Amino acid sequence: MKRIQTTRGIFELFTYGEGEPLAVTHHYSEFNEKGSLFAQALAKHYKVYLINLRGAGNSVNAIKDDEYSMNETVKDLDAIRQALSFERWGFAGHSTGGMLAMVYALEFPETLTKIIVGGAAASKLYGDHPDCIYSPKNPNYERIVYIMDALSTTKTSVEERQKLSYEWALMSYHSEENLKLSLSKPNSGKTCGPRLDYFRKIEYPKFDLTEQLASIMVPAFVYSGQYDSQCPVVFGAEIADKIPNAEFWLFENSNHFPFSEEEERFNQFVYATKQEV
């Protein structure tokens, strides 16, 4: 664990692996020394910097809510890069972390070697797709809204948070067996309520990068699970189609977490991202 002083405040991060530097985070998760399954998968081929964003863990707090926005967040990320004295580094993000990767590539392309984008979408349209649990057209919609509301408040007990988090995760795994196996491994990434709240209520309603993707010239590696219930596979394919020369990998036996459900093939994917540089 390190706490890094930057021009935009102090940020907490955790490092894993060896090799070229790769920043990793999720837009509204908080990590600890256990790391994350995603970061650990990447650390087999990179020196990973798993970052607690503003308001998460022991990183600097936000003074204003708009400091949770993606545009402000990528400014924080690039300040961390500068503080670590990297001329360039890669960035990998899963789910809303993948959305953040695209924003980063649009705002600071000259400081990135590559982006890795998984389980993501380029616009809010994923939330209207019937296969998405966040869509009113999906049978899990009312329950997932209840879960997100409960996880966004400190009034929810630790025991209840664990139960609700498991239920949310179960909706996002291809099998409960795979979920239980993942839970037997060191992992962290609890929901950071204020960041989730900002994304849901302020950022999501206007989120749309679709027309900007053609201007991303940073090498991009995109992956999706065939049965992704959060960002259906069509949206991952769209990202890869619209970013020039992006490479797309489909994980045919996965829901939202291919790095957990298809570990061996995901390792091949990560290795391929390294070979292209």
C-alpha atoms as a PDB file:
ATOM      1  CA  MET A   1       0.000   0.000   0.000  1.00  0.00           C
ATOM      2  CA  LYS A   2       1.171   3.513  -0.823  1.00  0.00           C
ATOM      3  CA  ARG A   3      -0.254   6.968  -0.291  1.00  0.00           C
ATOM      4  CA  ILE A   4       0.819   9.276  -3.096  1.00  0.00           C
ATOM      5  CA  GLN A   5       0.944  13.050  -2.815  1.00  0.00           C
ATOM      6  CA  THR A   6      -0.245  14.657  -6.056  1.00  0.00           C
ATOM      7  CA  THR A   7      -1.167  18.154  -7.197  1.00  0.00           C
ATOM      8  CA  ARG A   8      -4.796  17.153  -6.629  1.00  0.00           C
ATOM      9  CA  GLY A   9      -4.459  15.604  -3.175  1.00  0.00           C
ATOM     10  CA  ILE A  10      -3.296  12.353  -1.598  1.00  0.00           C
ATOM     11  CA  PHE A  11      -4.392   9.063  -3.135  1.00  0.00           C
ATOM     12  CA  GLU A  12      -4.136   5.520  -1.807  1.00  0.00           C
ATOM     13  CA  LEU A  13      -3.021   2.727  -4.098  1.00  0.00           C
ATOM     14  CA  PHE A  14      -1.866  -0.882  -3.982  1.00  0.00           C
ATOM     15  CA  THR A  15       0.788  -2.398  -6.225  1.00  0.00           C
ATOM     16  CA  TYR A  16       1.072  -5.930  -7.629  1.00  0.00           C
ATOM     17  CA  GLY A  17       3.180  -7.772 -10.177  1.00  0.00           C
ATOM     18  CA  GLU A  18       6.098  -6.756 -12.377  1.00  0.00           C
ATOM     19  CA  GLY A  19       6.411  -5.244 -15.824  1.00  0.00           C
ATOM     20  CA  GLU A  20       5.120  -2.185 -17.606  1.00  0.00           C
ATOM     21  CA  PRO A  21       2.898   0.060 -15.465  1.00  0.00           C
ATOM     22  CA  LEU A  22      -0.866  -0.373 -15.633  1.00  0.00           C
ATOM     23  CA  ALA A  23      -3.323   1.712 -13.612  1.00  0.00           C
ATOM     24  CA  VAL A  24      -6.491  -0.116 -12.542  1.00  0.00           C
ATOM     25  CA  THR A  25      -9.643   1.052 -10.800  1.00  0.00           C
ATOM     26  CA  HIS A  26     -13.437   0.959 -10.775  1.00  0.00           C
ATOM     27  CA  HIS A  27     -15.486   4.140 -10.827  1.00  0.00           C
ATOM     28  CA  TYR A  28     -17.275   3.538  -7.509  1.00  0.00           C
ATOM     29  CA  SER A  29     -15.426   0.779  -5.639  1.00  0.00           C
ATOM     30  CA  GLU A  30     -13.135   0.925  -2.621  1.00  0.00           C
ATOM     31  CA  PHE A  31     -10.174  -1.448  -2.375  1.00  0.00           C
ATOM     32  CA  ASN A  32      -7.899  -2.697   0.399  1.00  0.00           C
ATOM     33  CA  GLU A  33      -4.816  -4.908   0.811  1.00  0.00           C
ATOM     34  CA  LYS A  34      -6.717  -7.913  -0.539  1.00  0.00           C
ATOM     35  CA  GLY A  35      -6.643  -6.291  -3.969  1.00  0.00           C
ATOM     36  CA  SER A  36      -9.169  -7.357  -6.585  1.00  0.00           C
ATOM     37  CA  LEU A  37      -9.592 -10.409  -8.798  1.00  0.00           C
ATOM     38  CA  PHE A  38      -9.372  -8.149 -11.841  1.00  0.00           C
ATOM     39  CA  ALA A  39      -6.129  -6.524 -10.697  1.00  0.00           C
ATOM     40  CA  GLN A  40      -4.625  -9.891  -9.773  1.00  0.00           C
ATOM     41  CA  ALA A  41      -5.382 -11.284 -13.235  1.00  0.00           C
ATOM     42  CA  LEU A  42      -3.633  -8.306 -14.839  1.00  0.00           C
ATOM     43  CA  ALA A  43      -0.674  -8.480 -12.449  1.00  0.00           C
ATOM     44  CA  LYS A  44       0.459 -11.733 -14.050  1.00  0.00           C
ATOM     45  CA  HIS A  45       1.808  -9.612 -16.917  1.00  0.00           C
ATOM     46  CA  TYR A  46       1.947  -6.006 -15.624  1.00  0.00           C
ATOM     47  CA  LYS A  47       3.011  -3.888 -12.671  1.00  0.00           C
ATOM     48  CA  VAL A  48      -0.476  -2.992 -11.512  1.00  0.00           C
ATOM     49  CA  TYR A  49      -1.399   0.137  -9.579  1.00  0.00           C
ATOM     50  CA  LEU A  50      -4.829  -0.463  -8.035  1.00  0.00           C
ATOM     51  CA  ILE A  51      -6.176   2.975  -7.117  1.00  0.00           C
ATOM     52  CA  ASN A  52      -8.708   4.178  -4.585  1.00  0.00           C
ATOM     53  CA  LEU A  53     -10.330   7.154  -6.250  1.00  0.00           C
ATOM     54  CA  ARG A  54     -11.361  10.378  -4.533  1.00  0.00           C
ATOM     55  CA  GLY A  55     -13.637   9.594  -1.592  1.00  0.00           C
ATOM     56  CA  ALA A  56     -12.672   5.906  -1.470  1.00  0.00           C
ATOM     57  CA  GLY A  57     -10.493   4.292   1.200  1.00  0.00           C
ATOM     58  CA  ASN A  58      -7.780   6.619   2.471  1.00  0.00           C
ATOM     59  CA  SER A  59      -7.739   8.824  -0.613  1.00  0.00           C
ATOM     60  CA  VAL A  60      -8.570  12.517  -0.505  1.00  0.00           C
ATOM     61  CA  ASN A  61     -12.246  13.390  -0.005  1.00  0.00           C
ATOM     62  CA  ALA A  62     -14.349  15.381  -2.417  1.00  0.00           C
ATOM     63  CA  ILE A  63     -15.245  18.941  -1.518  1.00  0.00           C
ATOM     64  CA  LYS A  64     -17.932  19.143  -4.204  1.00  0.00           C
ATOM     65  CA  ASP A  65     -19.999  16.280  -5.624  1.00  0.00           C
ATOM     66  CA  ASP A  66     -18.899  16.990  -9.197  1.00  0.00           C
ATOM     67  CA  GLU A  67     -15.392  15.895  -8.198  1.00  0.00           C
ATOM     68  CA  TYR A  68     -16.809  12.359  -8.523  1.00  0.00           C
ATOM     69  CA  SER A  69     -17.422  12.874 -12.241  1.00  0.00           C
ATOM     70  CA  MET A  70     -15.482  10.892 -14.824  1.00  0.00           C
ATOM     71  CA  ASN A  71     -13.906  14.029 -16.268  1.00  0.00           C
ATOM     72  CA  GLU A  72     -12.579  15.069 -12.861  1.00  0.00           C
ATOM     73  CA  THR A  73     -11.570  11.500 -12.051  1.00  0.00           C
ATOM     74  CA  VAL A  74      -9.300  11.156 -15.081  1.00  0.00           C
ATOM     75  CA  LYS A  75      -7.599  14.398 -14.036  1.00  0.00           C
ATOM     76  CA  ASP A  76      -6.933  12.745 -10.676  1.00  0.00           C
ATOM     77  CA  LEU A  77      -5.615   9.632 -12.420  1.00  0.00           C
ATOM     78  CA  ASP A  78      -3.237  11.627 -14.549  1.00  0.00           C
ATOM     79  CA  ALA A  79      -2.026  13.544 -11.508  1.00  0.00           C
ATOM     80  CA  ILE A  80      -1.200  10.172  -9.920  1.00  0.00           C
ATOM     81  CA  ARG A  81       0.718   9.177 -13.065  1.00  0.00           C
ATOM     82  CA  GLN A  82       2.768  12.355 -12.846  1.00  0.00           C
ATOM     83  CA  ALA A  83       3.460  11.856  -9.131  1.00  0.00           C
ATOM     84  CA  LEU A  84       4.749   8.345  -9.905  1.00  0.00           C
ATOM     85  CA  SER A  85       7.037   9.857 -12.586  1.00  0.00           C
ATOM     86  CA  PHE A  86       5.658   7.823 -15.484  1.00  0.00           C
ATOM     87  CA  GLU A  87       5.792   9.466 -18.891  1.00  0.00           C
ATOM     88  CA  ARG A  88       3.026   7.072 -19.974  1.00  0.00           C
ATOM     89  CA  TRP A  89       1.171   4.107 -18.531  1.00  0.00           C
ATOM     90  CA  GLY A  90      -1.713   1.861 -19.464  1.00  0.00           C
ATOM     91  CA  PHE A  91      -5.155   1.924 -17.916  1.00  0.00           C
ATOM     92  CA  ALA A  92      -7.509  -1.012 -17.378  1.00  0.00           C
ATOM     93  CA  GLY A  93     -11.067  -0.771 -16.171  1.00  0.00           C
ATOM     94  CA  HIS A  94     -13.945  -3.176 -15.810  1.00  0.00           C
ATOM     95  CA  SER A  95     -17.648  -2.145 -15.947  1.00  0.00           C
ATOM     96  CA  THR A  96     -17.800   1.590 -15.066  1.00  0.00           C
ATOM     97  CA  GLY A  97     -14.022   1.357 -14.828  1.00  0.00           C
ATOM     98  CA  GLY A  98     -14.122   0.532 -18.539  1.00  0.00           C
ATOM     99  CA  MET A  99     -16.218   3.623 -19.159  1.00  0.00           C
ATOM    100  CA  LEU A 100     -13.591   5.586 -17.268  1.00  0.00           C
ATOM    101  CA  ALA A 101     -10.905   4.094 -19.530  1.00  0.00           C
ATOM    102  CA  MET A 102     -12.609   5.533 -22.596  1.00  0.00           C
ATOM    103  CA  VAL A 103     -12.925   8.975 -20.992  1.00  0.00           C
ATOM    104  CA  TYR A 104      -9.239   8.816 -20.027  1.00  0.00           C
ATOM    105  CA  ALA A 105      -8.261   7.959 -23.611  1.00  0.00           C
ATOM    106  CA  LEU A 106     -10.306  10.889 -24.907  1.00  0.00           C
ATOM    107  CA  GLU A 107      -8.919  13.421 -22.429  1.00  0.00           C
ATOM    108  CA  PHE A 108      -5.262  12.331 -22.062  1.00  0.00           C
ATOM    109  CA  PRO A 109      -4.329  10.149 -25.070  1.00  0.00           C
ATOM    110  CA  GLU A 110      -0.703  11.280 -25.035  1.00  0.00           C
ATOM    111  CA  THR A 111      -0.135   9.815 -21.548  1.00  0.00           C
ATOM    112  CA  LEU A 112      -1.532   6.331 -22.250  1.00  0.00           C
ATOM    113  CA  THR A 113       0.142   3.295 -23.786  1.00  0.00           C
ATOM    114  CA  LYS A 114      -3.173   1.406 -24.060  1.00  0.00           C
ATOM    115  CA  ILE A 115      -6.605   0.945 -22.555  1.00  0.00           C
ATOM    116  CA  ILE A 116      -8.226  -2.327 -21.523  1.00  0.00           C
ATOM    117  CA  VAL A 117     -12.010  -2.091 -21.438  1.00  0.00           C
ATOM    118  CA  GLY A 118     -14.264  -4.866 -20.169  1.00  0.00           C
ATOM    119  CA  GLY A 119     -17.926  -5.376 -19.320  1.00  0.00           C
ATOM    120  CA  ALA A 120     -18.658  -1.828 -20.380  1.00  0.00           C
ATOM    121  CA  ALA A 121     -20.819   0.348 -22.650  1.00  0.00           C
ATOM    122  CA  ALA A 122     -20.246   3.641 -24.440  1.00  0.00           C
ATOM    123  CA  SER A 123     -23.614   5.133 -23.546  1.00  0.00           C
ATOM    124  CA  LYS A 124     -26.524   4.926 -21.135  1.00  0.00           C
ATOM    125  CA  LEU A 125     -28.423   2.807 -23.665  1.00  0.00           C
ATOM    126  CA  TYR A 126     -27.214  -0.360 -21.936  1.00  0.00           C
ATOM    127  CA  GLY A 127     -29.615   0.511 -19.120  1.00  0.00           C
ATOM    128  CA  ASP A 128     -32.585   0.222 -21.478  1.00  0.00           C
ATOM    129  CA  HIS A 129     -31.654  -3.179 -22.890  1.00  0.00           C
ATOM    130  CA  PRO A 130     -33.959  -5.975 -21.648  1.00  0.00           C
ATOM    131  CA  ASP A 131     -30.950  -8.218 -20.882  1.00  0.00           C
ATOM    132  CA  CYS A 132     -29.562  -5.613 -18.490  1.00  0.00           C
ATOM    133  CA  ILE A 133     -30.534  -5.948 -14.825  1.00  0.00           C
ATOM    134  CA  TYR A 134     -30.620  -2.127 -14.573  1.00  0.00           C
ATOM    135  CA  SER A 135     -33.346  -1.869 -17.200  1.00  0.00           C
ATOM    136  CA  PRO A 136     -37.027  -1.414 -16.208  1.00  0.00           C
ATOM    137  CA  LYS A 137     -37.661  -4.092 -18.834  1.00  0.00           C
ATOM    138  CA  ASN A 138     -35.662  -6.649 -16.828  1.00  0.00           C
ATOM    139  CA  PRO A 139     -37.348  -8.820 -14.151  1.00  0.00           C
ATOM    140  CA  ASN A 140     -34.535  -8.027 -11.679  1.00  0.00           C
ATOM    141  CA  TYR A 141     -34.887  -4.256 -12.024  1.00  0.00           C
ATOM    142  CA  GLU A 142     -36.864  -3.417  -8.882  1.00  0.00           C
ATOM    143  CA  ARG A 143     -34.677  -5.646  -6.748  1.00  0.00           C
ATOM    144  CA  ILE A 144     -31.411  -4.220  -8.067  1.00  0.00           C
ATOM    145  CA  VAL A 145     -32.600  -0.656  -7.442  1.00  0.00           C
ATOM    146  CA  TYR A 146     -33.395  -1.634  -3.852  1.00  0.00           C
ATOM    147  CA  ILE A 147     -29.938  -3.188  -3.477  1.00  0.00           C
ATOM    148  CA  MET A 148     -28.124  -0.141  -4.879  1.00  0.00           C
ATOM    149  CA  ASP A 149     -30.107   2.202  -2.645  1.00  0.00           C
ATOM    150  CA  ALA A 150     -29.270   0.087   0.406  1.00  0.00           C
ATOM    151  CA  LEU A 151     -25.568  -0.055  -0.467  1.00  0.00           C
ATOM    152  CA  SER A 152     -25.445   3.703  -1.004  1.00  0.00           C
ATOM    153  CA  THR A 153     -26.321   4.487   2.613  1.00  0.00           C
ATOM    154  CA  THR A 154     -24.251   3.995   5.762  1.00  0.00           C
ATOM    155  CA  LYS A 155     -27.436   2.985   7.619  1.00  0.00           C
ATOM    156  CA  THR A 156     -27.253  -0.520   6.128  1.00  0.00           C
ATOM    157  CA  SER A 157     -25.525  -2.960   8.503  1.00  0.00           C
ATOM    158  CA  VAL A 158     -22.379  -4.820   7.521  1.00  0.00           C
ATOM    159  CA  GLU A 159     -24.261  -8.138   7.588  1.00  0.00           C
ATOM    160  CA  GLU A 160     -27.016  -6.829   5.341  1.00  0.00           C
ATOM    161  CA  ARG A 161     -24.477  -5.258   2.967  1.00  0.00           C
ATOM    162  CA  GLN A 162     -22.786  -8.637   2.590  1.00  0.00           C
ATOM    163  CA  LYS A 163     -26.074 -10.380   1.794  1.00  0.00           C
ATOM    164  CA  LEU A 164     -27.099  -7.727  -0.711  1.00  0.00           C
ATOM    165  CA  SER A 165     -23.677  -7.695  -2.361  1.00  0.00           C
ATOM    166  CA  TYR A 166     -23.860 -11.469  -2.777  1.00  0.00           C
ATOM    167  CA  GLU A 167     -27.307 -11.205  -4.345  1.00  0.00           C
ATOM    168  CA  TRP A 168     -26.088  -8.514  -6.755  1.00  0.00           C
ATOM    169  CA  ALA A 169     -23.037 -10.607  -7.643  1.00  0.00           C
ATOM    170  CA  LEU A 170     -25.154 -13.714  -8.215  1.00  0.00           C
ATOM    171  CA  MET A 171     -27.097 -11.842 -10.889  1.00  0.00           C
ATOM    172  CA  SER A 172     -23.778 -11.192 -12.605  1.00  0.00           C
ATOM    173  CA  TYR A 173     -22.242 -14.686 -12.616  1.00  0.00           C
ATOM    174  CA  HIS A 174     -22.968 -17.416 -15.132  1.00  0.00           C
ATOM    175  CA  SER A 175     -23.277 -19.922 -12.268  1.00  0.00           C
ATOM    176  CA  GLU A 176     -23.451 -19.766  -8.479  1.00  0.00           C
ATOM    177  CA  GLU A 177     -20.625 -22.302  -8.374  1.00  0.00           C
ATOM    178  CA  ASN A 178     -18.368 -19.793 -10.141  1.00  0.00           C
ATOM    179  CA  LEU A 179     -19.416 -17.080  -7.713  1.00  0.00           C
ATOM    180  CA  LYS A 180     -18.683 -19.222  -4.665  1.00  0.00           C
ATOM    181  CA  LEU A 181     -15.275 -20.121  -6.085  1.00  0.00           C
ATOM    182  CA  SER A 182     -14.464 -16.445  -6.583  1.00  0.00           C
ATOM    183  CA  LEU A 183     -15.474 -15.691  -2.996  1.00  0.00           C
ATOM    184  CA  SER A 184     -12.902 -18.184  -1.739  1.00  0.00           C
ATOM    185  CA  LYS A 185     -10.111 -15.972  -3.108  1.00  0.00           C
ATOM    186  CA  PRO A 186      -8.663 -12.713  -1.722  1.00  0.00           C
ATOM    187  CA  ASN A 187     -10.685  -9.831  -3.119  1.00  0.00           C
ATOM    188  CA  SER A 188     -11.992  -6.389  -2.241  1.00  0.00           C
ATOM    189  CA  GLY A 189     -14.028  -3.677  -3.906  1.00  0.00           C
ATOM    190  CA  LYS A 190     -16.909  -2.667  -1.669  1.00  0.00           C
ATOM    191  CA  THR A 191     -19.302  -0.051  -3.004  1.00  0.00           C
ATOM    192  CA  CYS A 192     -18.361   3.570  -2.359  1.00  0.00           C
ATOM    193  CA  GLY A 193     -21.839   5.005  -1.796  1.00  0.00           C
ATOM    194  CA  PRO A 194     -21.312   8.687  -2.681  1.00  0.00           C
ATOM    195  CA  ARG A 195     -19.525   7.814  -5.923  1.00  0.00           C
ATOM    196  CA  LEU A 196     -22.241   5.310  -6.915  1.00  0.00           C
ATOM    197  CA  ASP A 197     -24.922   7.852  -6.077  1.00  0.00           C
ATOM    198  CA  TYR A 198     -23.282  10.501  -8.260  1.00  0.00           C
ATOM    199  CA  PHE A 199     -22.912   8.110 -11.174  1.00  0.00           C
ATOM    200  CA  ARG A 200     -26.504   6.850 -10.970  1.00  0.00           C
ATOM    201  CA  LYS A 201     -28.233  10.186 -10.487  1.00  0.00           C
ATOM    202  CA  ILE A 202     -26.010  12.736 -12.227  1.00  0.00           C
ATOM    203  CA  GLU A 203     -23.633  11.109 -14.689  1.00  0.00           C
ATOM    204  CA  TYR A 204     -25.522   8.111 -16.055  1.00  0.00           C
ATOM    205  CA  PRO A 205     -28.549  10.079 -17.424  1.00  0.00           C
ATOM    206  CA  LYS A 206     -26.294  12.018 -19.816  1.00  0.00           C
ATOM    207  CA  PHE A 207     -23.566   9.428 -20.415  1.00  0.00           C
ATOM    208  CA  ASP A 208     -22.817   8.980 -24.128  1.00  0.00           C
ATOM    209  CA  LEU A 209     -19.366   8.608 -25.679  1.00  0.00           C
ATOM    210  CA  THR A 210     -20.553   6.798 -28.803  1.00  0.00           C
ATOM    211  CA  GLU A 211     -19.751   9.473 -31.361  1.00  0.00           C
ATOM    212  CA  GLN A 212     -16.380  10.237 -29.768  1.00  0.00           C
ATOM    213  CA  LEU A 213     -15.026   6.690 -29.921  1.00  0.00           C
ATOM    214  CA  ALA A 214     -13.763   7.112 -33.482  1.00  0.00           C
ATOM    215  CA  SER A 215     -11.253   9.670 -32.202  1.00  0.00           C
ATOM    216  CA  ILE A 216      -9.591   7.232 -29.773  1.00  0.00           C
ATOM    217  CA  MET A 217      -6.234   6.321 -31.270  1.00  0.00           C
ATOM    218  CA  VAL A 218      -4.766   4.706 -28.160  1.00  0.00           C
ATOM    219  CA  PRO A 219      -4.450   0.904 -28.579  1.00  0.00           C
ATOM    220  CA  ALA A 220      -7.654  -0.556 -27.162  1.00  0.00           C
ATOM    221  CA  PHE A 221      -8.440  -4.089 -26.003  1.00  0.00           C
ATOM    222  CA  VAL A 222     -12.101  -4.796 -25.330  1.00  0.00           C
ATOM    223  CA  TYR A 223     -13.740  -7.879 -23.835  1.00  0.00           C
ATOM    224  CA  SER A 224     -17.250  -9.003 -22.944  1.00  0.00           C
ATOM    225  CA  GLY A 225     -18.959 -12.029 -21.455  1.00  0.00           C
ATOM    226  CA  GLN A 226     -21.561 -13.649 -23.680  1.00  0.00           C
ATOM    227  CA  TYR A 227     -24.142 -13.565 -20.872  1.00  0.00           C
ATOM    228  CA  ASP A 228     -23.264 -10.195 -19.346  1.00  0.00           C
ATOM    229  CA  SER A 229     -26.303  -9.047 -17.361  1.00  0.00           C
ATOM    230  CA  GLN A 230     -24.942  -5.593 -16.547  1.00  0.00           C
ATOM    231  CA  CYS A 231     -23.573  -4.386 -19.882  1.00  0.00           C
ATOM    232  CA  PRO A 232     -24.917  -6.833 -22.484  1.00  0.00           C
ATOM    233  CA  VAL A 233     -22.393  -8.137 -24.988  1.00  0.00           C
ATOM    234  CA  VAL A 234     -23.718  -6.003 -27.872  1.00  0.00           C
ATOM    235  CA  PHE A 235     -22.351  -2.907 -26.131  1.00  0.00           C
ATOM    236  CA  GLY A 236     -18.853  -4.317 -25.786  1.00  0.00           C
ATOM    237  CA  ALA A 237     -18.904  -5.251 -29.464  1.00  0.00           C
ATOM    238  CA  GLU A 238     -20.050  -1.718 -30.298  1.00  0.00           C
ATOM    239  CA  ILE A 239     -17.099  -0.192 -28.431  1.00  0.00           C
ATOM    240  CA  ALA A 240     -14.628  -2.381 -30.307  1.00  0.00           C
ATOM    241  CA  ASP A 241     -16.333  -1.636 -33.620  1.00  0.00           C
ATOM    242  CA  LYS A 242     -16.196   2.141 -33.177  1.00  0.00           C
ATOM    243  CA  ILE A 243     -12.662   2.492 -31.797  1.00  0.00           C
ATOM    244  CA  PRO A 244     -10.241   2.268 -34.745  1.00  0.00           C
ATOM    245  CA  ASN A 245      -8.152  -0.906 -34.668  1.00  0.00           C
ATOM    246  CA  ALA A 246      -9.554  -2.068 -31.327  1.00  0.00           C
ATOM    247  CA  GLU A 247      -9.296  -5.777 -30.573  1.00  0.00           C
ATOM    248  CA  PHE A 248     -12.379  -7.594 -29.239  1.00  0.00           C
ATOM    249  CA  TRP A 249     -12.456 -10.800 -27.191  1.00  0.00           C
ATOM    250  CA  LEU A 250     -15.677 -12.644 -26.447  1.00  0.00           C
ATOM    251  CA  PHE A 251     -15.861 -14.933 -23.400  1.00  0.00           C
ATOM    252  CA  GLU A 252     -18.510 -17.482 -24.280  1.00  0.00           C
ATOM    253  CA  ASN A 253     -18.929 -19.009 -20.809  1.00  0.00           C
ATOM    254  CA  SER A 254     -19.052 -15.850 -18.740  1.00  0.00           C
ATOM    255  CA  ASN A 255     -21.499 -13.317 -17.421  1.00  0.00           C
ATOM    256  CA  HIS A 256     -20.090  -9.979 -16.193  1.00  0.00           C
ATOM    257  CA  PHE A 257     -16.784 -11.291 -14.786  1.00  0.00           C
ATOM    258  CA  PRO A 258     -14.730 -13.228 -17.392  1.00  0.00           C
ATOM    259  CA  PHE A 259     -11.529 -12.717 -15.393  1.00  0.00           C
ATOM    260  CA  SER A 260     -13.132 -14.824 -12.654  1.00  0.00           C
ATOM    261  CA  GLU A 261     -15.223 -17.271 -14.685  1.00  0.00           C
ATOM    262  CA  GLU A 262     -12.714 -18.082 -17.459  1.00  0.00           C
ATOM    263  CA  GLU A 263      -9.363 -17.523 -15.791  1.00  0.00           C
ATOM    264  CA  GLU A 264      -7.183 -19.431 -18.257  1.00  0.00           C
ATOM    265  CA  ARG A 265      -8.563 -17.731 -21.347  1.00  0.00           C
ATOM    266  CA  PHE A 266      -8.544 -14.345 -19.631  1.00  0.00           C
ATOM    267  CA  ASN A 267      -4.844 -14.860 -18.942  1.00  0.00           C
ATOM    268  CA  GLN A 268      -4.369 -15.415 -22.674  1.00  0.00           C
ATOM    269  CA  PHE A 269      -6.248 -12.179 -23.333  1.00  0.00           C
ATOM    270  CA  VAL A 270      -4.062 -10.202 -20.905  1.00  0.00           C
ATOM    271  CA  TYR A 271      -0.919 -11.688 -22.461  1.00  0.00           C
ATOM    272  CA  ALA A 272      -2.170 -10.597 -25.895  1.00  0.00           C
ATOM    273  CA  THR A 273      -2.624  -6.994 -24.718  1.00  0.00           C
ATOM    274  CA  LYS A 274       0.997  -6.931 -23.660  1.00  0.00           C
ATOM    275  CA  GLN A 275       2.339  -8.355 -26.894  1.00  0.00           C
ATOM    276  CA  GLU A 276       0.795  -5.593 -28.968  1.00  0.00           C
ATOM    277  CA  VAL A 277       2.938  -2.857 -27.406  1.00  0.00           C
END
